Amino acid sequence: MDILRIVIAIFLPPVAAFLTVVIALHFWLNILLTILFFVPGMIHALWLVVKKGKATV
């Protein structure tokens, strides 16, 4: 599941952020970053997915 979220974070960052934190501050921040510049939104989504994966292990 984490590999799928990483792939989604690369191509659709807000979707990956939503799947990771649902409706929270990080989700809205990711939408803003993705609208302004795609790459920061992608990096933020990857960070959320990796951070969430380490917390659950």
C-alpha atoms as a PDB file:
ATOM      1  CA  MET A   1       0.000   0.000   0.000  1.00  0.00           C
ATOM      2  CA  ASP A   2       2.836   2.422   0.737  1.00  0.00           C
ATOM      3  CA  ILE A   3       4.344   1.906  -2.719  1.00  0.00           C
ATOM      4  CA  LEU A   4       0.976   2.725  -4.259  1.00  0.00           C
ATOM      5  CA  ARG A   5       0.760   5.903  -2.166  1.00  0.00           C
ATOM      6  CA  ILE A   6       4.279   6.900  -3.245  1.00  0.00           C
ATOM      7  CA  VAL A   7       3.330   6.489  -6.904  1.00  0.00           C
ATOM      8  CA  ILE A   8       0.149   8.503  -6.321  1.00  0.00           C
ATOM      9  CA  ALA A   9       2.198  11.178  -4.526  1.00  0.00           C
ATOM     10  CA  ILE A  10       4.393  11.560  -7.603  1.00  0.00           C
ATOM     11  CA  PHE A  11       1.541  11.949 -10.088  1.00  0.00           C
ATOM     12  CA  LEU A  12      -1.355  13.274  -7.949  1.00  0.00           C
ATOM     13  CA  PRO A  13       0.037  14.872  -4.769  1.00  0.00           C
ATOM     14  CA  PRO A  14      -3.272  16.109  -3.274  1.00  0.00           C
ATOM     15  CA  VAL A  15      -4.806  12.640  -3.581  1.00  0.00           C
ATOM     16  CA  ALA A  16      -1.882  11.083  -1.724  1.00  0.00           C
ATOM     17  CA  ALA A  17      -2.110  13.777   0.949  1.00  0.00           C
ATOM     18  CA  PHE A  18      -5.840  13.127   1.303  1.00  0.00           C
ATOM     19  CA  LEU A  19      -5.310   9.365   1.624  1.00  0.00           C
ATOM     20  CA  THR A  20      -2.670   9.975   4.285  1.00  0.00           C
ATOM     21  CA  VAL A  21      -4.113  12.722   6.503  1.00  0.00           C
ATOM     22  CA  VAL A  22      -7.743  13.016   5.256  1.00  0.00           C
ATOM     23  CA  ILE A  23      -8.988  16.622   5.694  1.00  0.00           C
ATOM     24  CA  ALA A  24      -6.331  18.316   7.778  1.00  0.00           C
ATOM     25  CA  LEU A  25      -3.997  21.284   7.533  1.00  0.00           C
ATOM     26  CA  HIS A  26      -1.419  19.295   5.567  1.00  0.00           C
ATOM     27  CA  PHE A  27      -4.027  18.411   2.931  1.00  0.00           C
ATOM     28  CA  TRP A  28      -4.891  22.062   2.308  1.00  0.00           C
ATOM     29  CA  LEU A  29      -1.223  23.030   2.355  1.00  0.00           C
ATOM     30  CA  ASN A  30      -0.518  20.366  -0.250  1.00  0.00           C
ATOM     31  CA  ILE A  31      -3.286  21.667  -2.508  1.00  0.00           C
ATOM     32  CA  LEU A  32      -1.840  25.175  -2.235  1.00  0.00           C
ATOM     33  CA  LEU A  33       1.698  23.974  -2.986  1.00  0.00           C
ATOM     34  CA  THR A  34       0.489  21.915  -5.934  1.00  0.00           C
ATOM     35  CA  ILE A  35      -1.468  24.826  -7.404  1.00  0.00           C
ATOM     36  CA  LEU A  36       1.435  27.234  -7.064  1.00  0.00           C
ATOM     37  CA  PHE A  37       4.190  24.844  -8.164  1.00  0.00           C
ATOM     38  CA  PHE A  38       3.798  21.128  -8.827  1.00  0.00           C
ATOM     39  CA  VAL A  39       7.201  19.973  -7.542  1.00  0.00           C
ATOM     40  CA  PRO A  40       6.855  21.362  -3.966  1.00  0.00           C
ATOM     41  CA  GLY A  41       3.425  19.738  -3.740  1.00  0.00           C
ATOM     42  CA  MET A  42       4.920  16.447  -4.858  1.00  0.00           C
ATOM     43  CA  ILE A  43       7.772  16.686  -2.336  1.00  0.00           C
ATOM     44  CA  HIS A  44       5.331  17.530   0.461  1.00  0.00           C
ATOM     45  CA  ALA A  45       3.082  14.585  -0.441  1.00  0.00           C
ATOM     46  CA  LEU A  46       6.056  12.218  -0.520  1.00  0.00           C
ATOM     47  CA  TRP A  47       7.144  13.534   2.870  1.00  0.00           C
ATOM     48  CA  LEU A  48       3.663  12.922   4.300  1.00  0.00           C
ATOM     49  CA  VAL A  49       3.509   9.368   2.965  1.00  0.00           C
ATOM     50  CA  VAL A  50       6.991   8.450   4.194  1.00  0.00           C
ATOM     51  CA  LYS A  51       6.453  10.108   7.593  1.00  0.00           C
ATOM     52  CA  LYS A  52       3.113   8.342   8.092  1.00  0.00           C
ATOM     53  CA  GLY A  53       4.634   4.997   7.058  1.00  0.00           C
ATOM     54  CA  LYS A  54       7.431   5.259   9.643  1.00  0.00           C
ATOM     55  CA  ALA A  55       4.989   6.222  12.402  1.00  0.00           C
ATOM     56  CA  THR A  56       2.841   3.125  11.886  1.00  0.00           C
ATOM     57  CA  VAL A  57       5.731   0.642  11.895  1.00  0.00           C
END
